Amino acid sequence: MKTLPQPVTKNMYKKMTEINTSFANWLLDFSELKKATSKHFKLFSTLKFASAVSNQTIREVKSKKKNQKAKLFRSFWCGFNNQNLKIEKENGLYKVSFPTLEKRVGVPVVAEIYQQHWLDKILKGEAKQGKTELYEKNGRWFVSVSLSFVPSKPKAQPNKSTTKWGSIMG
């Protein structure tokens, strides 16, 4: 999905990406990476940065260092989990909101028909929102949302043992 940020917001996204990339590279050499938390960001920098983003970065760097033997990141896009990114639909338009350097922002997104189908499934609870990434490509900003399907529960079969109050479901 393509976001529609204003020039000021685009600059903030770029700054967030620069800080996040520097932090991710710093974490690769951090001796206590396994114990790292968002509080360790203060060892890296005195800048204000959303703890939700730094926690997600720590999680991903741990994984990439262990599983992919990462040595250096050229760009480490800001990631958000399902707890700190919210998808909404107002007046037929989709909007995502997430924490930034200054405050939480809500950004309208341009979603194609097939993307709207999946966004609606997330909003209805038929799919679960996973990790989301904010990234730039060819001067345009995008939001990538991963999702997983929520298995539909089979309809309960009536239980043969009943009481005065009705059937007991186990």
N, C-alpha and C. Protein backbone atom coordinates (compact mmCIF):
# COMPACT_ATOMS: atom_id res chain seq x y z
N MET A 1 0.84 -1.16 0.00
CA MET A 1 0.00 0.00 0.00
C MET A 1 0.89 1.23 0.00
N LYS A 2 0.52 2.20 -0.74
CA LYS A 2 1.29 3.42 -0.83
C LYS A 2 0.72 4.42 0.17
N THR A 3 1.60 5.08 0.95
CA THR A 3 1.15 6.11 1.87
C THR A 3 1.20 7.45 1.17
N LEU A 4 0.47 8.41 1.69
CA LEU A 4 0.42 9.75 1.11
C LEU A 4 0.94 10.78 2.10
N PRO A 5 2.23 10.73 2.44
CA PRO A 5 2.74 11.67 3.43
C PRO A 5 3.05 13.05 2.84
N GLN A 6 2.99 14.05 3.69
CA GLN A 6 3.38 15.40 3.33
C GLN A 6 4.91 15.47 3.33
N PRO A 7 5.51 16.50 2.71
CA PRO A 7 6.98 16.62 2.68
C PRO A 7 7.63 16.59 4.06
N VAL A 8 7.02 17.24 5.04
CA VAL A 8 7.57 17.23 6.40
C VAL A 8 7.58 15.82 6.96
N THR A 9 6.50 15.08 6.71
CA THR A 9 6.40 13.71 7.19
C THR A 9 7.41 12.81 6.49
N LYS A 10 7.62 13.02 5.19
CA LYS A 10 8.61 12.24 4.45
C LYS A 10 10.00 12.42 5.07
N ASN A 11 10.33 13.66 5.42
CA ASN A 11 11.62 13.93 6.06
C ASN A 11 11.73 13.22 7.40
N MET A 12 10.63 13.19 8.15
CA MET A 12 10.63 12.49 9.43
C MET A 12 10.83 10.99 9.22
N TYR A 13 10.17 10.40 8.20
CA TYR A 13 10.35 8.98 7.90
C TYR A 13 11.81 8.69 7.56
N LYS A 14 12.42 9.58 6.77
CA LYS A 14 13.83 9.39 6.40
C LYS A 14 14.72 9.44 7.64
N LYS A 15 14.45 10.39 8.52
CA LYS A 15 15.25 10.52 9.74
C LYS A 15 15.06 9.28 10.62
N MET A 16 13.82 8.80 10.72
CA MET A 16 13.55 7.58 11.50
C MET A 16 14.34 6.41 10.92
N THR A 17 14.37 6.29 9.60
CA THR A 17 15.09 5.20 8.95
C THR A 17 16.59 5.32 9.21
N GLU A 18 17.13 6.52 9.13
CA GLU A 18 18.56 6.73 9.39
C GLU A 18 18.91 6.34 10.83
N ILE A 19 18.10 6.79 11.79
CA ILE A 19 18.34 6.45 13.19
C ILE A 19 18.22 4.95 13.40
N ASN A 20 17.19 4.35 12.82
CA ASN A 20 16.96 2.92 12.99
C ASN A 20 18.08 2.09 12.37
N THR A 21 18.59 2.51 11.21
CA THR A 21 19.69 1.80 10.55
C THR A 21 20.95 1.90 11.41
N SER A 22 21.23 3.09 11.91
CA SER A 22 22.41 3.27 12.77
C SER A 22 22.29 2.43 14.04
N PHE A 23 21.10 2.43 14.63
CA PHE A 23 20.87 1.64 15.84
C PHE A 23 21.04 0.14 15.56
N ALA A 24 20.50 -0.33 14.43
CA ALA A 24 20.61 -1.75 14.08
C ALA A 24 22.08 -2.14 13.89
N ASN A 25 22.85 -1.29 13.23
CA ASN A 25 24.28 -1.58 13.04
C ASN A 25 25.03 -1.53 14.36
N TRP A 26 24.66 -0.62 15.23
CA TRP A 26 25.27 -0.56 16.57
C TRP A 26 24.97 -1.84 17.34
N LEU A 27 23.73 -2.32 17.21
CA LEU A 27 23.33 -3.55 17.92
C LEU A 27 24.14 -4.77 17.46
N LEU A 28 24.52 -4.80 16.19
CA LEU A 28 25.30 -5.94 15.69
C LEU A 28 26.60 -6.11 16.47
N ASP A 29 27.17 -5.01 16.94
CA ASP A 29 28.43 -5.06 17.70
C ASP A 29 28.21 -4.98 19.21
N PHE A 30 26.97 -4.85 19.64
CA PHE A 30 26.66 -4.73 21.07
C PHE A 30 26.87 -6.08 21.75
N SER A 31 27.70 -6.09 22.77
CA SER A 31 28.06 -7.36 23.42
C SER A 31 26.89 -8.02 24.15
N GLU A 32 25.93 -7.25 24.61
CA GLU A 32 24.81 -7.81 25.36
C GLU A 32 23.52 -7.82 24.53
N LEU A 33 23.65 -8.12 23.27
CA LEU A 33 22.49 -8.11 22.37
C LEU A 33 21.38 -9.04 22.86
N LYS A 34 21.74 -10.17 23.40
CA LYS A 34 20.72 -11.13 23.85
C LYS A 34 19.85 -10.56 24.96
N LYS A 35 20.39 -9.63 25.75
CA LYS A 35 19.65 -9.04 26.87
C LYS A 35 19.11 -7.64 26.53
N ALA A 36 19.28 -7.20 25.32
CA ALA A 36 18.93 -5.83 24.94
C ALA A 36 17.43 -5.57 25.04
N THR A 37 17.11 -4.36 25.50
CA THR A 37 15.73 -3.87 25.56
C THR A 37 15.72 -2.45 25.01
N SER A 38 14.54 -1.87 24.96
CA SER A 38 14.45 -0.50 24.43
C SER A 38 15.24 0.48 25.28
N LYS A 39 15.51 0.15 26.53
CA LYS A 39 16.30 1.03 27.40
C LYS A 39 17.74 1.14 26.90
N HIS A 40 18.21 0.13 26.18
CA HIS A 40 19.58 0.16 25.66
C HIS A 40 19.74 1.18 24.53
N PHE A 41 18.64 1.68 24.00
CA PHE A 41 18.73 2.71 22.97
C PHE A 41 19.45 3.94 23.54
N LYS A 42 19.25 4.20 24.84
CA LYS A 42 19.89 5.36 25.49
C LYS A 42 21.41 5.22 25.52
N LEU A 43 21.92 3.99 25.49
CA LEU A 43 23.38 3.79 25.40
C LEU A 43 23.87 4.17 24.00
N PHE A 44 23.00 3.99 23.02
CA PHE A 44 23.34 4.28 21.63
C PHE A 44 23.24 5.78 21.34
N SER A 45 22.16 6.41 21.81
CA SER A 45 21.92 7.81 21.44
C SER A 45 21.06 8.51 22.48
N THR A 46 21.17 9.83 22.50
CA THR A 46 20.32 10.63 23.39
C THR A 46 19.06 11.11 22.66
N LEU A 47 18.94 10.75 21.39
CA LEU A 47 17.77 11.14 20.60
C LEU A 47 16.51 10.49 21.15
N LYS A 48 15.38 11.14 20.89
CA LYS A 48 14.09 10.58 21.26
C LYS A 48 13.67 9.62 20.14
N PHE A 49 13.31 8.40 20.52
CA PHE A 49 12.91 7.39 19.53
C PHE A 49 11.86 6.50 20.16
N ALA A 50 10.86 6.13 19.40
CA ALA A 50 9.75 5.31 19.93
C ALA A 50 10.27 3.96 20.40
N SER A 51 9.96 3.62 21.64
CA SER A 51 10.43 2.35 22.20
C SER A 51 9.84 1.17 21.45
N ALA A 52 8.63 1.33 20.91
CA ALA A 52 8.01 0.25 20.13
C ALA A 52 8.86 -0.08 18.90
N VAL A 53 9.40 0.95 18.25
CA VAL A 53 10.22 0.73 17.06
C VAL A 53 11.57 0.13 17.46
N SER A 54 12.17 0.66 18.54
CA SER A 54 13.47 0.12 18.96
C SER A 54 13.35 -1.33 19.42
N ASN A 55 12.26 -1.67 20.10
CA ASN A 55 12.05 -3.07 20.51
C ASN A 55 11.92 -3.99 19.30
N GLN A 56 11.18 -3.55 18.29
CA GLN A 56 11.02 -4.35 17.08
C GLN A 56 12.37 -4.50 16.38
N THR A 57 13.16 -3.44 16.34
CA THR A 57 14.49 -3.48 15.73
C THR A 57 15.38 -4.47 16.46
N ILE A 58 15.36 -4.43 17.78
CA ILE A 58 16.17 -5.37 18.57
C ILE A 58 15.79 -6.80 18.24
N ARG A 59 14.50 -7.08 18.19
CA ARG A 59 14.01 -8.43 17.89
C ARG A 59 14.51 -8.89 16.52
N GLU A 60 14.41 -8.02 15.54
CA GLU A 60 14.81 -8.39 14.18
C GLU A 60 16.32 -8.53 14.04
N VAL A 61 17.09 -7.65 14.69
CA VAL A 61 18.55 -7.74 14.61
C VAL A 61 19.03 -9.03 15.25
N LYS A 62 18.45 -9.40 16.39
CA LYS A 62 18.81 -10.67 17.03
C LYS A 62 18.63 -11.82 16.05
N SER A 63 17.48 -11.84 15.39
CA SER A 63 17.17 -12.91 14.45
C SER A 63 18.10 -12.89 13.25
N LYS A 64 18.33 -11.72 12.67
CA LYS A 64 19.17 -11.63 11.47
C LYS A 64 20.63 -11.92 11.78
N LYS A 65 21.08 -11.58 12.97
CA LYS A 65 22.46 -11.87 13.33
C LYS A 65 22.64 -13.38 13.55
N LYS A 66 21.67 -13.99 14.19
CA LYS A 66 21.75 -15.42 14.48
C LYS A 66 21.52 -16.27 13.23
N ASN A 67 20.45 -16.00 12.50
CA ASN A 67 20.04 -16.87 11.39
C ASN A 67 20.68 -16.52 10.05
N GLN A 68 20.97 -15.24 9.83
CA GLN A 68 21.49 -14.82 8.53
C GLN A 68 22.93 -14.33 8.63
N LYS A 69 23.48 -14.35 9.83
CA LYS A 69 24.88 -13.92 10.06
C LYS A 69 25.12 -12.51 9.52
N ALA A 70 24.17 -11.60 9.76
CA ALA A 70 24.27 -10.22 9.27
C ALA A 70 25.51 -9.53 9.83
N LYS A 71 26.16 -8.74 8.98
CA LYS A 71 27.37 -7.99 9.37
C LYS A 71 27.14 -6.49 9.32
N LEU A 72 26.28 -6.03 8.39
CA LEU A 72 26.03 -4.61 8.21
C LEU A 72 24.70 -4.42 7.49
N PHE A 73 23.94 -3.41 7.91
CA PHE A 73 22.68 -3.09 7.26
C PHE A 73 22.83 -1.78 6.51
N ARG A 74 22.47 -1.78 5.23
CA ARG A 74 22.50 -0.53 4.44
C ARG A 74 21.29 0.33 4.78
N SER A 75 20.14 -0.30 4.87
CA SER A 75 18.90 0.35 5.32
C SER A 75 18.16 -0.63 6.20
N PHE A 76 17.75 -0.16 7.34
CA PHE A 76 16.96 -0.99 8.24
C PHE A 76 15.66 -0.23 8.48
N TRP A 77 14.64 -0.61 7.72
CA TRP A 77 13.37 0.09 7.76
C TRP A 77 12.69 -0.07 9.11
N CYS A 78 11.91 0.91 9.49
CA CYS A 78 11.19 0.86 10.76
C CYS A 78 10.07 -0.17 10.67
N GLY A 79 10.03 -1.01 11.67
CA GLY A 79 9.01 -2.06 11.72
C GLY A 79 8.08 -1.85 12.90
N PHE A 80 6.86 -2.30 12.74
CA PHE A 80 5.85 -2.18 13.78
C PHE A 80 5.15 -3.52 13.92
N ASN A 81 4.84 -3.89 15.15
CA ASN A 81 4.10 -5.14 15.31
C ASN A 81 2.62 -4.83 15.42
N ASN A 82 1.81 -5.85 15.59
CA ASN A 82 0.36 -5.66 15.59
C ASN A 82 -0.12 -4.88 16.81
N GLN A 83 0.74 -4.68 17.81
CA GLN A 83 0.33 -3.93 18.99
C GLN A 83 0.50 -2.43 18.81
N ASN A 84 1.41 -2.00 17.93
CA ASN A 84 1.63 -0.56 17.82
C ASN A 84 1.35 0.01 16.44
N LEU A 85 0.74 -0.75 15.56
CA LEU A 85 0.27 -0.23 14.29
C LEU A 85 -1.22 -0.54 14.20
N LYS A 86 -1.97 0.47 13.90
CA LYS A 86 -3.43 0.30 13.84
C LYS A 86 -3.91 0.62 12.43
N ILE A 87 -4.77 -0.25 11.92
CA ILE A 87 -5.39 -0.04 10.61
C ILE A 87 -6.85 0.34 10.85
N GLU A 88 -7.26 1.42 10.20
CA GLU A 88 -8.63 1.89 10.36
C GLU A 88 -9.23 2.18 8.99
N LYS A 89 -10.56 2.25 8.97
CA LYS A 89 -11.25 2.63 7.73
C LYS A 89 -12.27 3.70 8.11
N GLU A 90 -12.11 4.88 7.50
CA GLU A 90 -13.02 5.99 7.75
C GLU A 90 -13.54 6.50 6.42
N ASN A 91 -14.85 6.57 6.28
CA ASN A 91 -15.48 7.08 5.06
C ASN A 91 -14.95 6.40 3.81
N GLY A 92 -14.72 5.10 3.87
CA GLY A 92 -14.27 4.35 2.71
C GLY A 92 -12.77 4.46 2.44
N LEU A 93 -12.04 5.23 3.26
CA LEU A 93 -10.60 5.38 3.09
C LEU A 93 -9.86 4.67 4.21
N TYR A 94 -8.76 4.02 3.85
CA TYR A 94 -7.96 3.30 4.84
C TYR A 94 -6.89 4.23 5.39
N LYS A 95 -6.57 4.01 6.66
CA LYS A 95 -5.56 4.81 7.33
C LYS A 95 -4.77 3.89 8.25
N VAL A 96 -3.47 4.09 8.31
CA VAL A 96 -2.64 3.37 9.27
C VAL A 96 -2.06 4.39 10.23
N SER A 97 -1.97 4.02 11.50
CA SER A 97 -1.36 4.92 12.48
C SER A 97 -0.28 4.15 13.22
N PHE A 98 0.82 4.85 13.50
CA PHE A 98 1.97 4.24 14.14
C PHE A 98 2.78 5.32 14.85
N PRO A 99 3.65 4.91 15.79
CA PRO A 99 4.47 5.90 16.50
C PRO A 99 5.61 6.41 15.62
N THR A 100 5.92 7.70 15.76
CA THR A 100 7.02 8.31 15.02
C THR A 100 7.95 9.02 16.00
N LEU A 101 8.84 9.84 15.50
CA LEU A 101 9.76 10.58 16.35
C LEU A 101 9.04 11.56 17.27
N GLU A 102 8.00 12.18 16.78
CA GLU A 102 7.32 13.22 17.53
C GLU A 102 6.08 12.72 18.26
N LYS A 103 5.24 12.00 17.55
CA LYS A 103 3.97 11.53 18.10
C LYS A 103 3.44 10.41 17.22
N ARG A 104 2.32 9.88 17.61
CA ARG A 104 1.65 8.86 16.79
C ARG A 104 0.96 9.59 15.64
N VAL A 105 1.15 9.10 14.42
CA VAL A 105 0.53 9.73 13.27
C VAL A 105 -0.38 8.74 12.54
N GLY A 106 -1.43 9.28 11.98
CA GLY A 106 -2.33 8.50 11.14
C GLY A 106 -2.12 8.95 9.70
N VAL A 107 -1.83 8.00 8.83
CA VAL A 107 -1.51 8.32 7.45
C VAL A 107 -2.51 7.61 6.53
N PRO A 108 -3.14 8.37 5.62
CA PRO A 108 -4.01 7.70 4.65
C PRO A 108 -3.17 6.87 3.69
N VAL A 109 -3.71 5.75 3.25
CA VAL A 109 -2.99 4.89 2.32
C VAL A 109 -3.81 4.68 1.05
N VAL A 110 -3.10 4.50 -0.04
CA VAL A 110 -3.73 4.16 -1.31
C VAL A 110 -3.65 2.65 -1.43
N ALA A 111 -4.79 1.99 -1.38
CA ALA A 111 -4.82 0.52 -1.45
C ALA A 111 -5.57 0.10 -2.71
N GLU A 112 -4.97 -0.82 -3.43
CA GLU A 112 -5.62 -1.37 -4.62
C GLU A 112 -6.78 -2.26 -4.18
N ILE A 113 -7.63 -2.63 -5.11
CA ILE A 113 -8.82 -3.44 -4.80
C ILE A 113 -8.45 -4.73 -4.08
N TYR A 114 -7.43 -5.45 -4.59
CA TYR A 114 -7.06 -6.71 -3.96
C TYR A 114 -6.47 -6.49 -2.57
N GLN A 115 -5.83 -5.34 -2.33
CA GLN A 115 -5.30 -5.03 -1.00
C GLN A 115 -6.43 -4.67 -0.05
N GLN A 116 -7.44 -3.99 -0.56
CA GLN A 116 -8.59 -3.63 0.27
C GLN A 116 -9.28 -4.88 0.80
N HIS A 117 -9.33 -5.90 -0.03
CA HIS A 117 -9.93 -7.19 0.38
C HIS A 117 -9.24 -7.71 1.63
N TRP A 118 -7.90 -7.68 1.65
CA TRP A 118 -7.15 -8.20 2.79
C TRP A 118 -7.24 -7.27 3.99
N LEU A 119 -7.25 -5.97 3.75
CA LEU A 119 -7.41 -5.02 4.85
C LEU A 119 -8.76 -5.21 5.53
N ASP A 120 -9.79 -5.44 4.72
CA ASP A 120 -11.12 -5.69 5.29
C ASP A 120 -11.12 -6.96 6.13
N LYS A 121 -10.41 -7.98 5.70
CA LYS A 121 -10.32 -9.22 6.48
C LYS A 121 -9.65 -8.96 7.83
N ILE A 122 -8.61 -8.12 7.85
CA ILE A 122 -7.97 -7.76 9.11
C ILE A 122 -8.95 -7.03 10.01
N LEU A 123 -9.66 -6.07 9.45
CA LEU A 123 -10.61 -5.28 10.24
C LEU A 123 -11.76 -6.12 10.78
N LYS A 124 -12.17 -7.15 10.03
CA LYS A 124 -13.26 -8.04 10.47
C LYS A 124 -12.78 -9.11 11.44
N GLY A 125 -11.46 -9.27 11.58
CA GLY A 125 -10.93 -10.30 12.46
C GLY A 125 -10.76 -11.64 11.77
N GLU A 126 -10.91 -11.69 10.45
CA GLU A 126 -10.77 -12.93 9.71
C GLU A 126 -9.30 -13.22 9.38
N ALA A 127 -8.45 -12.22 9.53
CA ALA A 127 -7.01 -12.37 9.34
C ALA A 127 -6.33 -11.59 10.45
N LYS A 128 -5.16 -12.04 10.84
CA LYS A 128 -4.43 -11.39 11.92
C LYS A 128 -3.27 -10.60 11.33
N GLN A 129 -3.18 -9.36 11.74
CA GLN A 129 -2.11 -8.48 11.28
C GLN A 129 -0.81 -8.89 11.94
N GLY A 130 0.25 -8.97 11.16
CA GLY A 130 1.57 -9.31 11.69
C GLY A 130 2.48 -8.10 11.64
N LYS A 131 3.74 -8.34 11.36
CA LYS A 131 4.73 -7.27 11.28
C LYS A 131 4.42 -6.35 10.11
N THR A 132 4.60 -5.08 10.33
CA THR A 132 4.41 -4.08 9.30
C THR A 132 5.70 -3.30 9.14
N GLU A 133 6.02 -2.94 7.92
CA GLU A 133 7.26 -2.22 7.65
C GLU A 133 6.95 -0.97 6.83
N LEU A 134 7.59 0.13 7.20
CA LEU A 134 7.48 1.38 6.48
C LEU A 134 8.76 1.53 5.67
N TYR A 135 8.65 1.62 4.35
CA TYR A 135 9.85 1.70 3.52
C TYR A 135 9.64 2.63 2.32
N GLU A 136 10.77 3.05 1.75
CA GLU A 136 10.75 3.95 0.60
C GLU A 136 11.30 3.22 -0.62
N LYS A 137 10.67 3.48 -1.74
CA LYS A 137 11.14 2.91 -3.01
C LYS A 137 10.86 3.93 -4.10
N ASN A 138 11.90 4.32 -4.82
CA ASN A 138 11.79 5.31 -5.90
C ASN A 138 11.12 6.60 -5.44
N GLY A 139 11.47 7.05 -4.24
CA GLY A 139 10.95 8.31 -3.73
C GLY A 139 9.52 8.26 -3.20
N ARG A 140 8.92 7.09 -3.19
CA ARG A 140 7.56 6.93 -2.68
C ARG A 140 7.59 6.05 -1.45
N TRP A 141 6.73 6.33 -0.49
CA TRP A 141 6.70 5.57 0.76
C TRP A 141 5.59 4.53 0.72
N PHE A 142 5.90 3.36 1.26
CA PHE A 142 4.97 2.24 1.27
C PHE A 142 4.88 1.64 2.67
N VAL A 143 3.77 0.99 2.92
CA VAL A 143 3.57 0.22 4.14
C VAL A 143 3.32 -1.21 3.70
N SER A 144 4.11 -2.12 4.24
CA SER A 144 3.96 -3.53 3.93
C SER A 144 3.41 -4.23 5.17
N VAL A 145 2.26 -4.85 5.05
CA VAL A 145 1.62 -5.52 6.18
C VAL A 145 1.60 -7.02 5.93
N SER A 146 2.20 -7.76 6.85
CA SER A 146 2.09 -9.22 6.74
C SER A 146 0.84 -9.64 7.51
N LEU A 147 0.25 -10.74 7.11
CA LEU A 147 -0.92 -11.21 7.82
C LEU A 147 -0.96 -12.72 7.82
N SER A 148 -1.70 -13.23 8.76
CA SER A 148 -1.92 -14.68 8.81
C SER A 148 -3.41 -14.89 8.96
N PHE A 149 -3.84 -16.06 8.56
CA PHE A 149 -5.26 -16.35 8.60
C PHE A 149 -5.66 -16.87 9.97
N VAL A 150 -6.81 -16.46 10.39
CA VAL A 150 -7.38 -16.94 11.64
C VAL A 150 -8.28 -18.11 11.25
N PRO A 151 -7.96 -19.32 11.73
CA PRO A 151 -8.80 -20.46 11.35
C PRO A 151 -10.22 -20.28 11.87
N SER A 152 -11.17 -20.57 11.01
CA SER A 152 -12.56 -20.46 11.45
C SER A 152 -12.86 -21.63 12.37
N LYS A 153 -13.59 -21.33 13.42
CA LYS A 153 -13.91 -22.37 14.40
C LYS A 153 -15.06 -23.21 13.86
N PRO A 154 -14.91 -24.54 13.96
CA PRO A 154 -16.02 -25.39 13.50
C PRO A 154 -17.22 -25.19 14.41
N LYS A 155 -18.39 -25.31 13.82
CA LYS A 155 -19.60 -25.15 14.62
C LYS A 155 -19.69 -26.29 15.63
N ALA A 156 -20.02 -25.93 16.84
CA ALA A 156 -20.09 -26.92 17.92
C ALA A 156 -21.26 -27.88 17.68
N GLN A 157 -20.98 -29.14 17.88
CA GLN A 157 -22.02 -30.15 17.78
C GLN A 157 -22.80 -30.16 19.09
N PRO A 158 -24.10 -30.30 19.04
CA PRO A 158 -24.88 -30.34 20.29
C PRO A 158 -24.44 -31.52 21.14
N ASN A 159 -24.26 -31.25 22.40
CA ASN A 159 -23.84 -32.28 23.34
C ASN A 159 -25.08 -33.04 23.80
N LYS A 160 -24.96 -34.35 23.90
CA LYS A 160 -26.12 -35.16 24.26
C LYS A 160 -26.50 -35.01 25.72
N SER A 161 -25.53 -34.73 26.59
CA SER A 161 -25.87 -34.59 28.02
C SER A 161 -26.42 -33.19 28.25
N THR A 162 -27.61 -33.10 28.72
CA THR A 162 -28.23 -31.82 28.97
C THR A 162 -28.65 -31.72 30.41
N THR A 163 -28.80 -30.52 30.84
CA THR A 163 -29.29 -30.29 32.20
C THR A 163 -30.55 -29.45 32.08
N LYS A 164 -31.04 -29.09 33.20
CA LYS A 164 -32.21 -28.26 33.28
C LYS A 164 -31.96 -26.93 32.58
N TRP A 165 -30.72 -26.48 32.57
CA TRP A 165 -30.37 -25.17 32.02
C TRP A 165 -29.98 -25.22 30.55
N GLY A 166 -29.88 -26.35 29.95
CA GLY A 166 -29.49 -26.46 28.55
C GLY A 166 -28.29 -27.37 28.42
N SER A 167 -27.72 -27.41 27.25
CA SER A 167 -26.61 -28.34 27.04
C SER A 167 -25.31 -27.76 27.60
N ILE A 168 -24.44 -28.64 28.00
CA ILE A 168 -23.14 -28.26 28.54
C ILE A 168 -22.12 -28.40 27.41
N MET A 169 -21.47 -27.32 27.09
CA MET A 169 -20.46 -27.35 26.04
C MET A 169 -19.10 -27.42 26.70
N GLY A 170 -18.23 -28.33 26.26
CA GLY A 170 -16.93 -28.51 26.90
C GLY A 170 -15.82 -27.82 26.27
